[in-house]
Amino acid sequence: MSPTVEDSISLPAPVLAAYSYCETVTGSEARNFAYGIRLLPVAERRAMSALYAFSRRVDDIGDGTLAPEVKADRLGATRDILDRIRDGKVDEDDTDPVAVALADAARRFPIPLGGLDELIDGVLMDVKGVTYETWDDLKLYCRCVAGAIGRLSLGIFGPAPGAPQTEKAAEYADTLGLALQLTNILRDVREDAGNGRTYLPADDLAKFGCSDGFDGPRPPAGSDFAGLVHFEVRRARALFAEGYRLLPMLDRRSGACVAAMAGIYRRLLDRIERDPLAVLRGRVSLPGHEKAYVAVRGLSGFDARQIGRQAGRRRA
């Protein structure tokens, strides 16, 4: 009997249906995330889908068109669901499939659910219209909405037994989340501006003459927009370099998952670096065949081996 069939039989029908719902949400909404988690074993893939579906719910509240006070109320209600999960008060026949799936995942894996509280805190920052003066300010937001997801994910697939320096794993997962989020911010700079949001630090914008914002396909007059983008790209690359040190600590399939997701964003960063103005013309993305190539490369273990060799040279 295959592991997939065995695992399905061991789950009560309502829990299996809840996971199926979360996997459907992930497959339809997660353009990049889904490529990575497809590489995981069944139980881990389902748990990651439950984590994504809950996170997506939080993000959708923040990105919606409701009044800020209504968004805050709905985020509070979502936190109440998280408290019920944490307290073991979600039954398998609960009417909320995301809660059912996440509650089952939290029983199976040591998921640090406080990371989802951080995600809610980060989205509340969006609702309140918080702006960021410095990179240190923006880092706090990025750690809430992305670094926390890295740490939550690590709770599902964890470091491999016997891997070196695993005490640093959560830190590297957090840093990799920051790298992905900064790439997102660069990619979505015009879309966010259209929604009244500016994430890049105000002191960086001022340094490159971009304080007037990005409300069209051209940068502010007299600005060095390319210089701003290249500055942030270098920052993101440094975060990727540090966060990638997580890979040798993971088993083959977990490492493949992380390498695929991070690899897609690194390639997005490459495209943005080559043509900074592209982010003002539209959404920069990778074609499906390129994402598939990155996934295969991750599954081969090439990135993990390469990072492992580099870490070995640094220790020597």
Foldseek 3Di string as FASTA:
>chain_A
DDPVVVVLVPDDPLLSVLLVVLVVCCVVPPPQLVLLLVLDPDLLSSLLSLVVVLLVVLVCLLPDDDQLVVSLVVLVVSVVLLVCLVVVNDDSPDPNSSSNNNSVLVVVWVFPSVLVVLLNVLSNCSSVQDEAADVVRLLSSLLNNFLSSLSRSCRRQPFDPPFPPSVCLSVLSSLLRSLLVLLVCLQQQQVQVVVVHHHPHCVLCVVFVQNVGAPALDGPPPGPQLVSLVVSLVVSVVSCLSSLLNLLRGPLSNSLSSQLSSVQSNVSSVVCNVPVSVSRVDGGGDDPVVSNVSSVCSNVCPSNVVSVVVVVVVVD
